[in-house]
Amino acid sequence: MAGASYSKVLAPVNRYYTEKIKLHGTTSLGVDWNSRESQELRFKQLTQMIDKSKKFSVNDFGCGYGSLYGFLKKHKPQYYGFDISTEMVEKAKQTYGASSQAQFKTGHKPWKKADYGIASGIFNVRLKSGNAPWKKYILKTLDEMNASSLKGFSFNCLTKYSDKPKMRPYLYYADPLFLFDYCKKKYSKSVALLHDYGLYEFTILVRKDI
């Protein structure tokens, strides 16, 4: 997906999340999650592939205000966070910028490789984008995650198996079986699909070091 296409798809999303962080500040609501508990439950799924007893580095795709770093900081990772919302990145720098192990920049692509790439929630809010361009954005981002991750990457999506009355037209509900198959065939033989942790979503782990 070319830069112009990225801008067309992500500009409304940028505005959406910028308004959220301005309204709710550095809270789970500020990145459009219902609660801190559900946010941390997601992080537990996304980081299952990481051996936290060893040194590791992370690219955080759509870092928001840096809450993933807050979740991981006791393990002392080298952390690179980036987000399309300048307001989000400024909040992240205010909160965690004093740490020598955390760096934050505005943008949609990593500026260096890391052991792991993690994306939490960035594939959910499509607003008025059609299913086809949004799916293209997801697959392009997965290519970028694969190219910039040395040991593996993980991401989550809302699931198409959500209860129909609770589904919203501005959100994207992905097919977990398609994405599992896509990652298995294109990126690695070692892929895990997690769809059993009590939320209307799934997490996929792609391991490259096995």
Protein backbone atom coordinates (compact mmCIF):
# COMPACT_ATOMS: atom_id res chain seq x y z
CA MET A 1 0.00 0.00 0.00
CA ALA A 2 1.53 3.29 -1.12
CA GLY A 3 1.91 6.27 1.17
CA ALA A 4 -1.06 8.09 -0.33
CA SER A 5 -3.29 5.06 0.24
CA TYR A 6 -2.09 4.79 3.82
CA SER A 7 -2.99 8.43 4.38
CA LYS A 8 -6.47 7.97 2.93
CA VAL A 9 -7.19 4.98 5.16
CA LEU A 10 -5.50 6.20 8.33
CA ALA A 11 -6.22 9.95 8.38
CA PRO A 12 -9.75 9.47 9.82
CA VAL A 13 -8.39 6.92 12.30
CA ASN A 14 -5.75 9.43 13.38
CA ARG A 15 -8.46 11.99 14.12
CA TYR A 16 -10.56 9.40 15.94
CA TYR A 17 -7.79 8.37 18.34
CA THR A 18 -6.49 11.89 18.80
CA GLU A 19 -9.93 12.91 20.04
CA LYS A 20 -10.01 9.90 22.38
CA ILE A 21 -6.70 10.75 24.04
CA LYS A 22 -7.66 14.40 24.35
CA LEU A 23 -10.96 13.47 25.96
CA HIS A 24 -9.86 10.65 28.27
CA GLY A 25 -6.10 11.16 28.72
CA THR A 26 -3.68 8.32 29.47
CA THR A 27 -6.31 5.75 30.40
CA SER A 28 -7.69 2.65 28.68
CA LEU A 29 -10.53 4.82 27.35
CA GLY A 30 -7.93 7.12 25.83
CA VAL A 31 -6.96 4.31 23.46
CA ASP A 32 -10.56 3.10 23.06
CA TRP A 33 -10.49 0.09 25.39
CA ASN A 34 -13.26 -0.45 27.94
CA SER A 35 -11.03 -1.09 30.94
CA ARG A 36 -7.47 -1.42 32.14
CA GLU A 37 -8.16 -5.06 33.00
CA SER A 38 -9.14 -5.98 29.44
CA GLN A 39 -6.20 -3.98 28.09
CA GLU A 40 -3.74 -5.95 30.23
CA LEU A 41 -5.46 -9.23 29.35
CA ARG A 42 -4.71 -8.44 25.71
CA PHE A 43 -1.09 -7.69 26.52
CA LYS A 44 -0.76 -11.07 28.26
CA GLN A 45 -1.90 -12.83 25.09
CA LEU A 46 0.26 -10.73 22.78
CA THR A 47 3.45 -11.24 24.79
CA GLN A 48 3.16 -15.00 25.32
CA MET A 49 5.85 -15.65 22.72
CA ILE A 50 8.46 -13.55 24.55
CA ASP A 51 10.96 -15.20 26.86
CA LYS A 52 11.02 -12.42 29.44
CA SER A 53 13.92 -13.97 31.34
CA LYS A 54 16.24 -12.86 28.52
CA LYS A 55 16.98 -9.47 27.00
CA PHE A 56 14.59 -8.56 24.20
CA SER A 57 13.47 -5.63 22.07
CA VAL A 58 9.97 -4.71 20.88
CA ASN A 59 8.45 -2.62 18.11
CA ASP A 60 5.02 -1.44 19.29
CA PHE A 61 2.81 -0.74 16.25
CA GLY A 62 0.26 1.90 17.27
CA CYS A 63 1.79 2.44 20.70
CA GLY A 64 -0.79 4.93 21.95
CA TYR A 65 0.46 6.50 25.16
CA GLY A 66 2.92 3.64 25.74
CA SER A 67 0.82 1.35 27.90
CA LEU A 68 2.52 -1.78 26.51
CA TYR A 69 5.84 -0.41 27.70
CA GLY A 70 4.27 0.16 31.11
CA PHE A 71 3.18 -3.46 31.10
CA LEU A 72 6.65 -4.75 30.10
CA LYS A 73 9.01 -2.28 31.77
CA LYS A 74 9.78 -4.49 34.77
CA HIS A 75 11.44 -6.86 32.30
CA LYS A 76 13.63 -4.02 30.97
CA PRO A 77 13.03 -4.42 27.24
CA GLN A 78 14.44 -2.14 24.57
CA TYR A 79 11.19 -0.64 23.38
CA TYR A 80 10.37 1.32 20.21
CA GLY A 81 6.87 2.75 20.07
CA PHE A 82 5.27 4.61 17.18
CA ASP A 83 1.79 5.89 16.44
CA ILE A 84 0.07 7.90 13.71
CA SER A 85 -1.33 10.27 16.34
CA THR A 86 1.16 12.95 17.38
CA GLU A 87 -0.98 13.61 20.46
CA MET A 88 -0.58 9.96 21.50
CA VAL A 89 3.17 10.06 21.04
CA GLU A 90 3.47 13.26 23.08
CA LYS A 91 1.53 11.62 25.93
CA ALA A 92 3.81 8.58 25.71
CA LYS A 93 6.90 10.76 25.90
CA GLN A 94 5.48 12.64 28.89
CA THR A 95 4.74 9.37 30.68
CA TYR A 96 7.74 7.20 29.78
CA GLY A 97 10.15 9.42 27.89
CA ALA A 98 12.57 9.62 30.82
CA SER A 99 13.40 5.93 30.40
CA SER A 100 16.55 5.22 28.37
CA GLN A 101 14.95 1.96 27.25
CA ALA A 102 11.89 3.51 25.60
CA GLN A 103 11.76 5.58 22.42
CA PHE A 104 8.66 7.05 20.77
CA LYS A 105 8.09 8.52 17.31
CA THR A 106 5.16 9.60 15.15
CA GLY A 107 4.54 7.36 12.14
CA HIS A 108 3.01 4.10 10.93
CA LYS A 109 6.20 2.10 10.31
CA PRO A 110 9.11 1.02 12.56
CA TRP A 111 12.41 2.78 12.04
CA LYS A 112 14.52 -0.24 13.04
CA LYS A 113 14.25 -3.97 13.52
CA ALA A 114 13.43 -5.53 16.88
CA ASP A 115 13.15 -9.04 18.26
CA TYR A 116 9.36 -8.79 18.37
CA GLY A 117 6.63 -6.73 16.77
CA ILE A 118 3.33 -6.23 18.58
CA ALA A 119 0.11 -4.61 17.39
CA SER A 120 -2.80 -4.23 19.78
CA GLY A 121 -6.05 -2.80 18.49
CA ILE A 122 -4.78 -1.10 15.34
CA PHE A 123 -6.92 -3.25 13.04
CA ASN A 124 -10.25 -2.60 14.75
CA VAL A 125 -11.45 0.93 13.94
CA ARG A 126 -11.97 1.23 10.19
CA LEU A 127 -14.63 3.97 10.39
CA LYS A 128 -15.88 4.52 6.80
CA SER A 129 -13.18 2.50 5.05
CA GLY A 130 -14.58 -0.42 3.08
CA ASN A 131 -13.70 -3.99 3.94
CA ALA A 132 -11.42 -4.41 0.92
CA PRO A 133 -9.07 -1.43 1.52
CA TRP A 134 -9.02 -2.14 5.26
CA LYS A 135 -8.08 -5.76 4.69
CA LYS A 136 -5.35 -4.59 2.30
CA TYR A 137 -4.05 -2.27 5.04
CA ILE A 138 -3.98 -5.16 7.53
CA LEU A 139 -2.05 -7.47 5.19
CA LYS A 140 0.44 -4.72 4.29
CA THR A 141 1.02 -4.05 7.98
CA LEU A 142 1.59 -7.75 8.62
CA ASP A 143 4.26 -7.69 5.90
CA GLU A 144 5.91 -4.79 7.70
CA MET A 145 5.71 -6.60 11.03
CA ASN A 146 7.31 -9.68 9.53
CA ALA A 147 10.09 -7.71 7.83
CA SER A 148 10.97 -5.77 10.99
CA SER A 149 10.74 -8.64 13.52
CA LEU A 150 13.67 -10.96 14.12
CA LYS A 151 12.02 -13.56 16.37
CA GLY A 152 8.31 -13.12 15.85
CA PHE A 153 5.29 -10.87 15.94
CA SER A 154 1.77 -10.82 17.33
CA PHE A 155 -1.44 -8.92 16.72
CA ASN A 156 -5.10 -8.97 17.67
CA CYS A 157 -8.35 -8.33 15.82
CA LEU A 158 -12.02 -8.23 16.63
CA THR A 159 -13.58 -11.53 15.60
CA LYS A 160 -16.26 -12.17 13.02
CA TYR A 161 -17.70 -14.62 15.57
CA SER A 162 -18.83 -11.72 17.78
CA ASP A 163 -22.48 -11.62 18.83
CA LYS A 164 -24.37 -9.86 16.04
CA PRO A 165 -26.27 -7.40 18.31
CA LYS A 166 -22.97 -6.14 19.74
CA MET A 167 -21.21 -5.60 16.41
CA ARG A 168 -20.72 -1.99 15.25
CA PRO A 169 -20.59 -0.81 11.60
CA TYR A 170 -17.48 1.37 12.10
CA LEU A 171 -15.43 -1.56 13.42
CA TYR A 172 -13.73 -4.33 11.44
CA TYR A 173 -14.42 -7.93 12.42
CA ALA A 174 -11.75 -10.18 10.95
CA ASP A 175 -11.86 -13.85 10.03
CA PRO A 176 -9.45 -15.60 12.42
CA LEU A 177 -9.21 -18.69 10.23
CA PHE A 178 -8.21 -16.68 7.18
CA LEU A 179 -5.50 -14.78 9.06
CA PHE A 180 -4.17 -17.92 10.72
CA ASP A 181 -3.92 -19.63 7.33
CA TYR A 182 -2.39 -16.52 5.75
CA CYS A 183 0.32 -16.22 8.42
CA LYS A 184 0.99 -19.96 8.42
CA LYS A 185 1.53 -20.06 4.66
CA LYS A 186 3.38 -16.76 4.25
CA TYR A 187 5.44 -16.13 7.38
CA SER A 188 6.14 -19.17 9.54
CA LYS A 189 5.29 -22.79 10.24
CA SER A 190 4.90 -21.87 13.91
CA VAL A 191 1.69 -19.86 14.29
CA ALA A 192 -0.77 -19.86 17.20
CA LEU A 193 -4.37 -18.66 17.19
CA LEU A 194 -5.73 -17.65 20.60
CA HIS A 195 -9.50 -17.29 20.71
CA ASP A 196 -10.31 -18.40 24.24
CA TYR A 197 -9.66 -15.52 26.63
CA GLY A 198 -13.14 -14.13 27.09
CA LEU A 199 -13.12 -11.13 24.74
CA TYR A 200 -14.77 -10.65 21.34
CA GLU A 201 -11.43 -10.89 19.59
CA PHE A 202 -8.52 -13.18 18.84
CA THR A 203 -4.74 -12.98 18.96
CA ILE A 204 -2.29 -14.49 16.50
CA LEU A 205 1.33 -15.26 17.43
CA VAL A 206 3.87 -15.80 14.66
CA ARG A 207 7.12 -17.34 15.87
CA LYS A 208 10.16 -17.10 13.63
CA ASP A 209 12.82 -18.47 16.00
CA ILE A 210 11.59 -22.08 16.23
